[in-house]
Amino acid sequence: MPRDVVTRWNSTYDMLAFALEYRKPIEMLSADWELDLRKYELNPQEWKLATQLKDVLQVFKHATLFFSQSENLNISAVIPSMDHFDEKLATIIVSPHYSPSIRSAIRFGKKTLNKYYSKTDHSNIYRVAMVLDPRYKLSYFKKLDWEPEWIAEAEEMVKKVFDGYESPSSTTTTATEETDYIMLPNPQFDNTSVADTTNIFEDFLVQSWSPALQSSATTEDELKVYLSTGPVTSSDPRKPLDVIMWWREHETTYPRLSQVARDHLCIPASSVDVERIFSKARIVLSDLRNRLAVQTVRSLICVGEWIKAGLITEKDLHAWLKGFKDIEQDDKDSVKSGWDKINI
């Protein structure tokens, strides 16, 4: 039976979920005089309270799992998910279904959530990323009746960032002219389906915020054209839209804006996945293999993550190895700048 551990996330929920599933065996054990467990026996009212608490804590469990995933979750999901979280807690607070003690505790939880929610105003990245997410643009804020001044400010933030980027033609070479790295394919991933999950936080990722429109106009003002069209929805209702792939497919229409979008939408919503990579690094750099160079460790981790994400294939590795030239260990300048760049 899972135990409630203060330092372990969601352990209270795991314990209650287990106890409610095996309620009858637990009642039989606690009712046995020979086991001397009668002091732990729960009455019907306490079981009812445990059921309510489990339902409430499930919201936090789902939030933890949602922000711990590796794919299709970037910083643009932070504000919508916190709105979703806030809505769930607000519903619990006013619901007579829950006991006064639980509703009182949720009030404190909601207050803490709002404290951290307000911190999203301290950085422009959250709003810029949301506007550049084709699923939201400005329609998300308008649909939820956000203040017009706030929406206008968000649009102005994006415009300032956009103006700071130069046209790709004036700063970079084309993919066929690039010589410092190999251009690799980036296929749609087949393992991003959310059909088998019931996580309540998955809903808004596939939700439509307005009728989708196709962008076909060409103009120098890419941002204006982009915002003049409605949000985009996934062609598969079971899968959230891959926003990085969407910008790759539309970089011809929005050559400069696509750079801005990719720079912002590649930011993860939480540090969970980054911490996973640190854990993997410890496996690569083990006690028995502790003399690897920094560049070697970095290369191994990068290639491993690229393969897992479907960015490169075995065929790509073979092609690279055929053209590989021996690098002197002491030549610090042998690795060219930009070796770890992938053209997406």
C-alpha atoms as a PDB file:
ATOM      1  CA  MET A   1       0.000   0.000   0.000  1.00  0.00           C
ATOM      2  CA  PRO A   2       1.450   3.411  -0.942  1.00  0.00           C
ATOM      3  CA  ARG A   3       2.301   5.588   2.039  1.00  0.00           C
ATOM      4  CA  ASP A   4       1.802   9.304   2.454  1.00  0.00           C
ATOM      5  CA  VAL A   5       5.281  10.846   2.265  1.00  0.00           C
ATOM      6  CA  VAL A   6       5.619  14.561   2.958  1.00  0.00           C
ATOM      7  CA  THR A   7       8.477  15.040   0.504  1.00  0.00           C
ATOM      8  CA  ARG A   8       6.946  13.031  -2.351  1.00  0.00           C
ATOM      9  CA  TRP A   9       4.511  14.677  -4.762  1.00  0.00           C
ATOM     10  CA  ASN A  10       0.987  13.235  -4.876  1.00  0.00           C
ATOM     11  CA  SER A  11       1.740  10.470  -2.379  1.00  0.00           C
ATOM     12  CA  THR A  12      -1.436  11.370  -0.454  1.00  0.00           C
ATOM     13  CA  TYR A  13      -3.497  10.906  -3.603  1.00  0.00           C
ATOM     14  CA  ASP A  14      -1.796   7.585  -4.392  1.00  0.00           C
ATOM     15  CA  MET A  15      -2.474   6.333  -0.872  1.00  0.00           C
ATOM     16  CA  LEU A  16      -6.150   7.346  -0.930  1.00  0.00           C
ATOM     17  CA  ALA A  17      -6.706   5.945  -4.427  1.00  0.00           C
ATOM     18  CA  PHE A  18      -5.273   2.603  -3.322  1.00  0.00           C
ATOM     19  CA  ALA A  19      -7.257   2.570  -0.074  1.00  0.00           C
ATOM     20  CA  LEU A  20     -10.564   3.317  -1.806  1.00  0.00           C
ATOM     21  CA  GLU A  21      -9.951   0.665  -4.440  1.00  0.00           C
ATOM     22  CA  TYR A  22      -9.250  -1.937  -1.753  1.00  0.00           C
ATOM     23  CA  ARG A  23     -11.718  -0.635   0.803  1.00  0.00           C
ATOM     24  CA  LYS A  24     -13.303  -4.004   1.620  1.00  0.00           C
ATOM     25  CA  PRO A  25     -10.030  -5.840   2.337  1.00  0.00           C
ATOM     26  CA  ILE A  26      -8.831  -2.886   4.430  1.00  0.00           C
ATOM     27  CA  GLU A  27     -12.073  -2.884   6.436  1.00  0.00           C
ATOM     28  CA  MET A  28     -11.729  -6.628   7.021  1.00  0.00           C
ATOM     29  CA  LEU A  29      -8.156  -6.251   8.261  1.00  0.00           C
ATOM     30  CA  SER A  30      -8.883  -3.290  10.522  1.00  0.00           C
ATOM     31  CA  ALA A  31     -11.926  -5.075  12.001  1.00  0.00           C
ATOM     32  CA  ASP A  32      -9.861  -8.103  13.023  1.00  0.00           C
ATOM     33  CA  TRP A  33      -9.339  -7.991  16.801  1.00  0.00           C
ATOM     34  CA  GLU A  34      -6.363 -10.321  16.652  1.00  0.00           C
ATOM     35  CA  LEU A  35      -4.418  -7.885  14.453  1.00  0.00           C
ATOM     36  CA  ASP A  36      -5.044  -5.026  16.876  1.00  0.00           C
ATOM     37  CA  LEU A  37      -5.887  -2.586  14.071  1.00  0.00           C
ATOM     38  CA  ARG A  38      -9.285  -1.386  15.274  1.00  0.00           C
ATOM     39  CA  LYS A  39      -7.836   2.036  16.086  1.00  0.00           C
ATOM     40  CA  TYR A  40      -7.243   2.529  12.358  1.00  0.00           C
ATOM     41  CA  GLU A  41     -10.767   1.543  11.350  1.00  0.00           C
ATOM     42  CA  LEU A  42     -12.627   4.264   9.402  1.00  0.00           C
ATOM     43  CA  ASN A  43     -16.324   4.959   9.821  1.00  0.00           C
ATOM     44  CA  PRO A  44     -18.588   5.671   6.804  1.00  0.00           C
ATOM     45  CA  GLN A  45     -18.228   9.445   7.220  1.00  0.00           C
ATOM     46  CA  GLU A  46     -14.444   9.192   7.150  1.00  0.00           C
ATOM     47  CA  TRP A  47     -14.557   7.032   4.024  1.00  0.00           C
ATOM     48  CA  LYS A  48     -16.776   9.650   2.413  1.00  0.00           C
ATOM     49  CA  LEU A  49     -14.271  12.356   3.300  1.00  0.00           C
ATOM     50  CA  ALA A  50     -11.451  10.229   1.879  1.00  0.00           C
ATOM     51  CA  THR A  51     -13.379   9.869  -1.384  1.00  0.00           C
ATOM     52  CA  GLN A  52     -13.887  13.622  -1.661  1.00  0.00           C
ATOM     53  CA  LEU A  53     -10.246  14.330  -0.869  1.00  0.00           C
ATOM     54  CA  LYS A  54      -9.103  11.823  -3.475  1.00  0.00           C
ATOM     55  CA  ASP A  55     -11.234  13.512  -6.127  1.00  0.00           C
ATOM     56  CA  VAL A  56      -9.775  16.907  -5.242  1.00  0.00           C
ATOM     57  CA  LEU A  57      -6.179  15.698  -5.171  1.00  0.00           C
ATOM     58  CA  GLN A  58      -6.666  14.061  -8.560  1.00  0.00           C
ATOM     59  CA  VAL A  59      -6.587  17.553 -10.086  1.00  0.00           C
ATOM     60  CA  PHE A  60      -3.085  18.046  -8.657  1.00  0.00           C
ATOM     61  CA  LYS A  61      -2.032  14.567  -9.757  1.00  0.00           C
ATOM     62  CA  HIS A  62      -3.121  15.286 -13.318  1.00  0.00           C
ATOM     63  CA  ALA A  63      -1.335  18.633 -13.272  1.00  0.00           C
ATOM     64  CA  THR A  64       1.889  16.944 -12.159  1.00  0.00           C
ATOM     65  CA  LEU A  65       1.702  14.314 -14.892  1.00  0.00           C
ATOM     66  CA  PHE A  66       0.777  16.913 -17.487  1.00  0.00           C
ATOM     67  CA  PHE A  67       3.771  19.127 -16.760  1.00  0.00           C
ATOM     68  CA  SER A  68       6.076  16.114 -16.543  1.00  0.00           C
ATOM     69  CA  GLN A  69       5.557  14.987 -20.133  1.00  0.00           C
ATOM     70  CA  SER A  70       8.272  15.418 -22.728  1.00  0.00           C
ATOM     71  CA  GLU A  71       6.398  16.124 -25.939  1.00  0.00           C
ATOM     72  CA  ASN A  72       4.096  18.863 -27.201  1.00  0.00           C
ATOM     73  CA  LEU A  73       4.446  20.867 -24.011  1.00  0.00           C
ATOM     74  CA  ASN A  74       6.146  24.234 -24.190  1.00  0.00           C
ATOM     75  CA  ILE A  75       5.905  27.520 -22.346  1.00  0.00           C
ATOM     76  CA  SER A  76       2.804  28.590 -24.289  1.00  0.00           C
ATOM     77  CA  ALA A  77       0.827  26.006 -22.285  1.00  0.00           C
ATOM     78  CA  VAL A  78       1.571  27.597 -18.904  1.00  0.00           C
ATOM     79  CA  ILE A  79      -1.119  30.297 -18.837  1.00  0.00           C
ATOM     80  CA  PRO A  80      -3.930  28.126 -20.333  1.00  0.00           C
ATOM     81  CA  SER A  81      -3.149  25.282 -17.944  1.00  0.00           C
ATOM     82  CA  MET A  82      -3.089  27.612 -14.938  1.00  0.00           C
ATOM     83  CA  ASP A  83      -6.430  29.035 -16.073  1.00  0.00           C
ATOM     84  CA  HIS A  84      -7.742  25.477 -16.283  1.00  0.00           C
ATOM     85  CA  PHE A  85      -6.334  24.697 -12.843  1.00  0.00           C
ATOM     86  CA  ASP A  86      -7.887  27.841 -11.373  1.00  0.00           C
ATOM     87  CA  GLU A  87     -11.268  26.976 -12.879  1.00  0.00           C
ATOM     88  CA  LYS A  88     -11.197  23.484 -11.358  1.00  0.00           C
ATOM     89  CA  LEU A  89     -10.338  24.809  -7.907  1.00  0.00           C
ATOM     90  CA  ALA A  90     -12.972  27.552  -8.118  1.00  0.00           C
ATOM     91  CA  THR A  91     -15.604  24.928  -8.961  1.00  0.00           C
ATOM     92  CA  ILE A  92     -14.638  22.843  -5.934  1.00  0.00           C
ATOM     93  CA  ILE A  93     -14.790  25.851  -3.599  1.00  0.00           C
ATOM     94  CA  VAL A  94     -18.432  26.625  -4.434  1.00  0.00           C
ATOM     95  CA  SER A  95     -19.597  23.016  -4.708  1.00  0.00           C
ATOM     96  CA  PRO A  96     -21.770  21.789  -1.801  1.00  0.00           C
ATOM     97  CA  HIS A  97     -20.682  18.254  -2.691  1.00  0.00           C
ATOM     98  CA  TYR A  98     -17.435  18.751  -0.778  1.00  0.00           C
ATOM     99  CA  SER A  99     -17.054  19.161   2.958  1.00  0.00           C
ATOM    100  CA  PRO A 100     -16.368  22.640   4.406  1.00  0.00           C
ATOM    101  CA  SER A 101     -12.896  21.566   5.549  1.00  0.00           C
ATOM    102  CA  ILE A 102     -11.872  20.540   2.024  1.00  0.00           C
ATOM    103  CA  ARG A 103     -13.290  23.688   0.461  1.00  0.00           C
ATOM    104  CA  SER A 104     -11.465  25.808   3.031  1.00  0.00           C
ATOM    105  CA  ALA A 105      -8.179  24.072   2.211  1.00  0.00           C
ATOM    106  CA  ILE A 106      -8.744  24.601  -1.513  1.00  0.00           C
ATOM    107  CA  ARG A 107      -9.215  28.334  -0.912  1.00  0.00           C
ATOM    108  CA  PHE A 108      -5.665  28.475   0.427  1.00  0.00           C
ATOM    109  CA  GLY A 109      -4.474  26.400  -2.505  1.00  0.00           C
ATOM    110  CA  LYS A 110      -6.136  28.747  -4.976  1.00  0.00           C
ATOM    111  CA  LYS A 111      -4.546  31.719  -3.241  1.00  0.00           C
ATOM    112  CA  THR A 112      -1.112  30.134  -3.699  1.00  0.00           C
ATOM    113  CA  LEU A 113      -1.880  29.384  -7.355  1.00  0.00           C
ATOM    114  CA  ASN A 114      -2.839  33.015  -7.961  1.00  0.00           C
ATOM    115  CA  LYS A 115       0.402  34.128  -6.325  1.00  0.00           C
ATOM    116  CA  TYR A 116       2.450  32.226  -8.882  1.00  0.00           C
ATOM    117  CA  TYR A 117       0.073  33.080 -11.706  1.00  0.00           C
ATOM    118  CA  SER A 118       0.778  36.772 -11.143  1.00  0.00           C
ATOM    119  CA  LYS A 119       4.468  36.107 -11.710  1.00  0.00           C
ATOM    120  CA  THR A 120       3.786  35.375 -15.388  1.00  0.00           C
ATOM    121  CA  ASP A 121       3.368  39.141 -15.797  1.00  0.00           C
ATOM    122  CA  HIS A 122       7.016  39.606 -14.825  1.00  0.00           C
ATOM    123  CA  SER A 123       8.220  38.126 -18.114  1.00  0.00           C
ATOM    124  CA  ASN A 124       7.089  38.850 -21.661  1.00  0.00           C
ATOM    125  CA  ILE A 125       7.934  35.338 -22.808  1.00  0.00           C
ATOM    126  CA  TYR A 126       4.651  33.809 -21.631  1.00  0.00           C
ATOM    127  CA  ARG A 127       2.486  36.182 -23.625  1.00  0.00           C
ATOM    128  CA  VAL A 128       4.746  36.247 -26.671  1.00  0.00           C
ATOM    129  CA  ALA A 129       4.800  32.445 -26.781  1.00  0.00           C
ATOM    130  CA  MET A 130       1.018  32.237 -26.480  1.00  0.00           C
ATOM    131  CA  VAL A 131       0.414  34.690 -29.313  1.00  0.00           C
ATOM    132  CA  LEU A 132       2.903  32.811 -31.490  1.00  0.00           C
ATOM    133  CA  ASP A 133       1.235  29.502 -30.698  1.00  0.00           C
ATOM    134  CA  PRO A 134      -1.056  28.965 -33.734  1.00  0.00           C
ATOM    135  CA  ARG A 135      -3.606  27.251 -31.491  1.00  0.00           C
ATOM    136  CA  TYR A 136      -4.178  30.426 -29.467  1.00  0.00           C
ATOM    137  CA  LYS A 137      -2.921  33.640 -31.104  1.00  0.00           C
ATOM    138  CA  LEU A 138      -5.051  36.444 -29.587  1.00  0.00           C
ATOM    139  CA  SER A 139      -8.306  34.482 -29.723  1.00  0.00           C
ATOM    140  CA  TYR A 140      -7.663  32.712 -26.422  1.00  0.00           C
ATOM    141  CA  PHE A 141      -7.542  35.995 -24.510  1.00  0.00           C
ATOM    142  CA  LYS A 142     -10.546  37.404 -26.347  1.00  0.00           C
ATOM    143  CA  LYS A 143     -12.667  34.319 -25.770  1.00  0.00           C
ATOM    144  CA  LEU A 144     -11.970  34.444 -22.033  1.00  0.00           C
ATOM    145  CA  ASP A 145     -12.796  38.182 -21.923  1.00  0.00           C
ATOM    146  CA  TRP A 146      -9.377  39.393 -20.873  1.00  0.00           C
ATOM    147  CA  GLU A 147      -8.943  43.150 -20.602  1.00  0.00           C
ATOM    148  CA  PRO A 148      -8.558  44.812 -24.048  1.00  0.00           C
ATOM    149  CA  GLU A 149      -5.583  46.793 -22.734  1.00  0.00           C
ATOM    150  CA  TRP A 150      -3.840  43.580 -21.696  1.00  0.00           C
ATOM    151  CA  ILE A 151      -4.471  42.002 -25.100  1.00  0.00           C
ATOM    152  CA  ALA A 152      -3.172  45.089 -26.900  1.00  0.00           C
ATOM    153  CA  GLU A 153      -0.085  45.041 -24.687  1.00  0.00           C
ATOM    154  CA  ALA A 154       0.541  41.384 -25.547  1.00  0.00           C
ATOM    155  CA  GLU A 155       0.284  42.153 -29.256  1.00  0.00           C
ATOM    156  CA  GLU A 156       2.706  45.056 -28.878  1.00  0.00           C
ATOM    157  CA  MET A 157       5.177  42.793 -27.073  1.00  0.00           C
ATOM    158  CA  VAL A 158       5.175  40.377 -29.995  1.00  0.00           C
ATOM    159  CA  LYS A 159       5.615  43.231 -32.459  1.00  0.00           C
ATOM    160  CA  LYS A 160       8.676  44.536 -30.601  1.00  0.00           C
ATOM    161  CA  VAL A 161      10.250  41.089 -30.531  1.00  0.00           C
ATOM    162  CA  PHE A 162       9.405  40.568 -34.209  1.00  0.00           C
ATOM    163  CA  ASP A 163      10.986  43.894 -35.178  1.00  0.00           C
ATOM    164  CA  GLY A 164      14.195  42.785 -33.489  1.00  0.00           C
ATOM    165  CA  TYR A 165      14.639  39.905 -35.928  1.00  0.00           C
ATOM    166  CA  GLU A 166      16.208  40.375 -39.321  1.00  0.00           C
ATOM    167  CA  SER A 167      15.043  38.682 -42.486  1.00  0.00           C
ATOM    168  CA  PRO A 168      16.507  35.158 -42.827  1.00  0.00           C
ATOM    169  CA  SER A 169      17.941  36.039 -46.235  1.00  0.00           C
ATOM    170  CA  SER A 170      20.146  38.734 -44.695  1.00  0.00           C
ATOM    171  CA  THR A 171      21.501  36.716 -41.787  1.00  0.00           C
ATOM    172  CA  THR A 172      21.705  33.050 -42.759  1.00  0.00           C
ATOM    173  CA  THR A 173      22.403  30.861 -45.727  1.00  0.00           C
ATOM    174  CA  THR A 174      19.906  28.463 -47.221  1.00  0.00           C
ATOM    175  CA  ALA A 175      19.766  24.838 -46.104  1.00  0.00           C
ATOM    176  CA  THR A 176      21.543  23.655 -49.259  1.00  0.00           C
ATOM    177  CA  GLU A 177      24.388  26.152 -48.720  1.00  0.00           C
ATOM    178  CA  GLU A 178      24.968  25.270 -45.078  1.00  0.00           C
ATOM    179  CA  THR A 179      28.223  23.372 -44.530  1.00  0.00           C
ATOM    180  CA  ASP A 180      28.720  23.332 -40.765  1.00  0.00           C
ATOM    181  CA  TYR A 181      25.965  20.807 -40.054  1.00  0.00           C
ATOM    182  CA  ILE A 182      23.938  18.094 -41.684  1.00  0.00           C
ATOM    183  CA  MET A 183      20.317  18.847 -42.494  1.00  0.00           C
ATOM    184  CA  LEU A 184      18.225  16.118 -40.938  1.00  0.00           C
ATOM    185  CA  PRO A 185      14.579  15.140 -41.345  1.00  0.00           C
ATOM    186  CA  ASN A 186      12.017  15.945 -38.673  1.00  0.00           C
ATOM    187  CA  PRO A 187       9.027  13.638 -39.276  1.00  0.00           C
ATOM    188  CA  GLN A 188       5.750  13.824 -37.433  1.00  0.00           C
ATOM    189  CA  PHE A 189       6.041  11.712 -34.324  1.00  0.00           C
ATOM    190  CA  ASP A 190       3.785   8.690 -33.990  1.00  0.00           C
ATOM    191  CA  ASN A 191       3.975   8.499 -30.184  1.00  0.00           C
ATOM    192  CA  THR A 192       2.160  11.705 -29.225  1.00  0.00           C
ATOM    193  CA  SER A 193      -1.358  10.331 -29.103  1.00  0.00           C
ATOM    194  CA  VAL A 194      -3.452  11.348 -26.104  1.00  0.00           C
ATOM    195  CA  ALA A 195      -6.271   8.964 -26.957  1.00  0.00           C
ATOM    196  CA  ASP A 196      -5.419   6.610 -24.107  1.00  0.00           C
ATOM    197  CA  THR A 197      -5.253   9.254 -21.392  1.00  0.00           C
ATOM    198  CA  THR A 198      -7.969  10.848 -19.309  1.00  0.00           C
ATOM    199  CA  ASN A 199      -5.816  13.633 -17.923  1.00  0.00           C
ATOM    200  CA  ILE A 200      -8.046  16.690 -17.490  1.00  0.00           C
ATOM    201  CA  PHE A 201      -5.229  18.994 -18.560  1.00  0.00           C
ATOM    202  CA  GLU A 202      -5.003  17.464 -22.040  1.00  0.00           C
ATOM    203  CA  ASP A 203      -8.325  18.969 -23.143  1.00  0.00           C
ATOM    204  CA  PHE A 204      -7.214  22.500 -23.896  1.00  0.00           C
ATOM    205  CA  LEU A 205      -4.306  21.308 -26.050  1.00  0.00           C
ATOM    206  CA  VAL A 206      -6.713  19.926 -28.656  1.00  0.00           C
ATOM    207  CA  GLN A 207      -9.478  22.456 -28.026  1.00  0.00           C
ATOM    208  CA  SER A 208     -10.467  24.900 -30.741  1.00  0.00           C
ATOM    209  CA  TRP A 209     -10.576  28.557 -29.733  1.00  0.00           C
ATOM    210  CA  SER A 210     -12.221  29.747 -32.941  1.00  0.00           C
ATOM    211  CA  PRO A 211     -12.877  28.452 -36.465  1.00  0.00           C
ATOM    212  CA  ALA A 212      -9.584  27.664 -38.139  1.00  0.00           C
ATOM    213  CA  LEU A 213      -8.603  29.655 -41.204  1.00  0.00           C
ATOM    214  CA  GLN A 214      -5.827  29.069 -43.691  1.00  0.00           C
ATOM    215  CA  SER A 215      -3.209  31.750 -44.252  1.00  0.00           C
ATOM    216  CA  SER A 216      -2.610  32.286 -47.965  1.00  0.00           C
ATOM    217  CA  ALA A 217      -1.767  35.987 -48.160  1.00  0.00           C
ATOM    218  CA  THR A 218       1.792  37.113 -48.725  1.00  0.00           C
ATOM    219  CA  THR A 219       2.950  40.469 -47.386  1.00  0.00           C
ATOM    220  CA  GLU A 220       5.963  42.036 -45.779  1.00  0.00           C
ATOM    221  CA  ASP A 221       4.036  42.411 -42.531  1.00  0.00           C
ATOM    222  CA  GLU A 222       4.042  38.728 -41.558  1.00  0.00           C
ATOM    223  CA  LEU A 223       2.745  39.370 -38.036  1.00  0.00           C
ATOM    224  CA  LYS A 224      -0.299  41.232 -39.336  1.00  0.00           C
ATOM    225  CA  VAL A 225      -1.150  38.410 -41.740  1.00  0.00           C
ATOM    226  CA  TYR A 226      -0.605  35.785 -39.047  1.00  0.00           C
ATOM    227  CA  LEU A 227      -2.907  37.506 -36.542  1.00  0.00           C
ATOM    228  CA  SER A 228      -5.565  38.193 -39.181  1.00  0.00           C
ATOM    229  CA  THR A 229      -6.297  34.477 -39.441  1.00  0.00           C
ATOM    230  CA  GLY A 230      -7.969  32.353 -36.808  1.00  0.00           C
ATOM    231  CA  PRO A 231      -6.321  29.743 -34.580  1.00  0.00           C
ATOM    232  CA  VAL A 232      -5.307  26.406 -36.064  1.00  0.00           C
ATOM    233  CA  THR A 233      -6.555  23.056 -34.831  1.00  0.00           C
ATOM    234  CA  SER A 234      -4.974  19.638 -35.144  1.00  0.00           C
ATOM    235  CA  SER A 235      -6.102  17.504 -38.072  1.00  0.00           C
ATOM    236  CA  ASP A 236      -6.283  14.595 -35.629  1.00  0.00           C
ATOM    237  CA  PRO A 237      -8.648  15.382 -32.706  1.00  0.00           C
ATOM    238  CA  ARG A 238      -6.812  12.809 -30.579  1.00  0.00           C
ATOM    239  CA  LYS A 239      -3.464  14.577 -30.874  1.00  0.00           C
ATOM    240  CA  PRO A 240      -2.439  18.114 -29.936  1.00  0.00           C
ATOM    241  CA  LEU A 241      -1.000  20.218 -32.722  1.00  0.00           C
ATOM    242  CA  ASP A 242       2.786  20.028 -33.026  1.00  0.00           C
ATOM    243  CA  VAL A 243       3.422  23.778 -33.060  1.00  0.00           C
ATOM    244  CA  ILE A 244       7.120  23.499 -33.952  1.00  0.00           C
ATOM    245  CA  MET A 245       6.245  21.348 -36.954  1.00  0.00           C
ATOM    246  CA  TRP A 246       3.472  23.791 -37.915  1.00  0.00           C
ATOM    247  CA  TRP A 247       5.931  26.667 -38.046  1.00  0.00           C
ATOM    248  CA  ARG A 248       8.348  24.577 -40.063  1.00  0.00           C
ATOM    249  CA  GLU A 249       5.620  23.855 -42.602  1.00  0.00           C
ATOM    250  CA  HIS A 250       4.692  27.564 -42.794  1.00  0.00           C
ATOM    251  CA  GLU A 251       8.164  29.111 -42.750  1.00  0.00           C
ATOM    252  CA  THR A 252       7.794  29.995 -46.444  1.00  0.00           C
ATOM    253  CA  THR A 253       4.749  32.113 -45.625  1.00  0.00           C
ATOM    254  CA  TYR A 254       6.286  33.530 -42.438  1.00  0.00           C
ATOM    255  CA  PRO A 255      10.085  33.369 -42.924  1.00  0.00           C
ATOM    256  CA  ARG A 256      10.952  35.893 -40.203  1.00  0.00           C
ATOM    257  CA  LEU A 257       8.075  35.218 -37.813  1.00  0.00           C
ATOM    258  CA  SER A 258       8.821  31.495 -37.881  1.00  0.00           C
ATOM    259  CA  GLN A 259      12.258  32.237 -36.412  1.00  0.00           C
ATOM    260  CA  VAL A 260      10.698  34.201 -33.560  1.00  0.00           C
ATOM    261  CA  ALA A 261       8.164  31.442 -32.928  1.00  0.00           C
ATOM    262  CA  ARG A 262      10.694  28.627 -32.841  1.00  0.00           C
ATOM    263  CA  ASP A 263      12.985  30.556 -30.496  1.00  0.00           C
ATOM    264  CA  HIS A 264      10.118  31.001 -28.014  1.00  0.00           C
ATOM    265  CA  LEU A 265       8.116  27.795 -28.457  1.00  0.00           C
ATOM    266  CA  CYS A 266      11.152  25.591 -27.875  1.00  0.00           C
ATOM    267  CA  ILE A 267      11.181  26.737 -24.230  1.00  0.00           C
ATOM    268  CA  PRO A 268       9.812  23.922 -22.009  1.00  0.00           C
ATOM    269  CA  ALA A 269       6.898  24.582 -19.664  1.00  0.00           C
ATOM    270  CA  SER A 270       8.746  23.030 -16.725  1.00  0.00           C
ATOM    271  CA  SER A 271      12.212  21.793 -15.811  1.00  0.00           C
ATOM    272  CA  VAL A 272      11.130  18.159 -15.452  1.00  0.00           C
ATOM    273  CA  ASP A 273      12.357  17.063 -18.872  1.00  0.00           C
ATOM    274  CA  VAL A 274      15.607  18.981 -18.423  1.00  0.00           C
ATOM    275  CA  GLU A 275      16.190  17.156 -15.144  1.00  0.00           C
ATOM    276  CA  ARG A 276      15.635  13.860 -16.950  1.00  0.00           C
ATOM    277  CA  ILE A 277      18.481  14.738 -19.295  1.00  0.00           C
ATOM    278  CA  PHE A 278      20.739  15.467 -16.320  1.00  0.00           C
ATOM    279  CA  SER A 279      19.886  12.021 -14.979  1.00  0.00           C
ATOM    280  CA  LYS A 280      20.744  10.476 -18.344  1.00  0.00           C
ATOM    281  CA  ALA A 281      24.055  12.312 -18.321  1.00  0.00           C
ATOM    282  CA  ARG A 282      24.927  10.528 -15.099  1.00  0.00           C
ATOM    283  CA  ILE A 283      24.330   7.209 -16.860  1.00  0.00           C
ATOM    284  CA  VAL A 284      26.555   8.247 -19.767  1.00  0.00           C
ATOM    285  CA  LEU A 285      29.293   9.561 -17.476  1.00  0.00           C
ATOM    286  CA  SER A 286      29.411   6.659 -15.036  1.00  0.00           C
ATOM    287  CA  ASP A 287      32.094   5.719 -12.515  1.00  0.00           C
ATOM    288  CA  LEU A 288      33.461   3.195 -14.993  1.00  0.00           C
ATOM    289  CA  ARG A 289      33.512   5.700 -17.847  1.00  0.00           C
ATOM    290  CA  ASN A 290      34.517   8.929 -16.178  1.00  0.00           C
ATOM    291  CA  ARG A 291      37.270  10.061 -18.559  1.00  0.00           C
ATOM    292  CA  LEU A 292      35.017  11.105 -21.422  1.00  0.00           C
ATOM    293  CA  ALA A 293      35.657  14.573 -22.762  1.00  0.00           C
ATOM    294  CA  VAL A 294      32.992  17.236 -22.280  1.00  0.00           C
ATOM    295  CA  GLN A 295      32.375  17.379 -26.013  1.00  0.00           C
ATOM    296  CA  THR A 296      31.948  13.594 -26.176  1.00  0.00           C
ATOM    297  CA  VAL A 297      29.368  13.568 -23.376  1.00  0.00           C
ATOM    298  CA  ARG A 298      27.478  16.419 -24.964  1.00  0.00           C
ATOM    299  CA  SER A 299      27.506  14.688 -28.344  1.00  0.00           C
ATOM    300  CA  LEU A 300      26.253  11.389 -26.932  1.00  0.00           C
ATOM    301  CA  ILE A 301      23.367  13.037 -25.088  1.00  0.00           C
ATOM    302  CA  CYS A 302      22.372  15.224 -28.039  1.00  0.00           C
ATOM    303  CA  VAL A 303      22.400  12.351 -30.528  1.00  0.00           C
ATOM    304  CA  GLY A 304      20.450  10.145 -28.126  1.00  0.00           C
ATOM    305  CA  GLU A 305      17.748  12.777 -27.655  1.00  0.00           C
ATOM    306  CA  TRP A 306      17.576  13.492 -31.395  1.00  0.00           C
ATOM    307  CA  ILE A 307      17.092   9.794 -32.176  1.00  0.00           C
ATOM    308  CA  LYS A 308      14.411   9.472 -29.518  1.00  0.00           C
ATOM    309  CA  ALA A 309      12.573  12.516 -30.891  1.00  0.00           C
ATOM    310  CA  GLY A 310      12.727  11.209 -34.447  1.00  0.00           C
ATOM    311  CA  LEU A 311      14.925  14.062 -35.653  1.00  0.00           C
ATOM    312  CA  ILE A 312      17.595  11.740 -37.009  1.00  0.00           C
ATOM    313  CA  THR A 313      17.610   8.124 -38.160  1.00  0.00           C
ATOM    314  CA  GLU A 314      20.115   5.305 -38.355  1.00  0.00           C
ATOM    315  CA  LYS A 315      20.579   6.153 -42.026  1.00  0.00           C
ATOM    316  CA  ASP A 316      21.611   9.690 -41.077  1.00  0.00           C
ATOM    317  CA  LEU A 317      24.216   8.384 -38.641  1.00  0.00           C
ATOM    318  CA  HIS A 318      25.682   6.042 -41.242  1.00  0.00           C
ATOM    319  CA  ALA A 319      25.895   8.894 -43.753  1.00  0.00           C
ATOM    320  CA  TRP A 320      27.690  11.064 -41.208  1.00  0.00           C
ATOM    321  CA  LEU A 321      30.111   8.323 -40.159  1.00  0.00           C
ATOM    322  CA  LYS A 322      31.150   7.725 -43.766  1.00  0.00           C
ATOM    323  CA  GLY A 323      32.301  11.321 -44.010  1.00  0.00           C
ATOM    324  CA  PHE A 324      33.795  11.411 -40.519  1.00  0.00           C
ATOM    325  CA  LYS A 325      37.388  12.593 -40.239  1.00  0.00           C
ATOM    326  CA  ASP A 326      39.656  11.694 -37.358  1.00  0.00           C
ATOM    327  CA  ILE A 327      39.885  14.534 -34.833  1.00  0.00           C
ATOM    328  CA  GLU A 328      42.983  15.069 -32.767  1.00  0.00           C
ATOM    329  CA  GLN A 329      42.183  14.863 -29.078  1.00  0.00           C
ATOM    330  CA  ASP A 330      44.265  17.940 -28.211  1.00  0.00           C
ATOM    331  CA  ASP A 331      42.855  20.128 -30.990  1.00  0.00           C
ATOM    332  CA  LYS A 332      40.404  22.283 -29.058  1.00  0.00           C
ATOM    333  CA  ASP A 333      39.312  24.156 -32.180  1.00  0.00           C
ATOM    334  CA  SER A 334      38.589  21.004 -34.190  1.00  0.00           C
ATOM    335  CA  VAL A 335      34.857  21.077 -33.451  1.00  0.00           C
ATOM    336  CA  LYS A 336      33.249  23.819 -35.482  1.00  0.00           C
ATOM    337  CA  SER A 337      30.760  26.214 -33.986  1.00  0.00           C
ATOM    338  CA  GLY A 338      27.197  25.171 -34.730  1.00  0.00           C
ATOM    339  CA  TRP A 339      27.892  21.429 -34.850  1.00  0.00           C
ATOM    340  CA  ASP A 340      24.840  20.760 -32.691  1.00  0.00           C
ATOM    341  CA  LYS A 341      22.482  22.817 -34.835  1.00  0.00           C
ATOM    342  CA  ILE A 342      19.515  21.099 -36.435  1.00  0.00           C
ATOM    343  CA  ASN A 343      17.596  22.797 -39.208  1.00  0.00           C
ATOM    344  CA  ILE A 344      13.902  22.402 -38.430  1.00  0.00           C
END
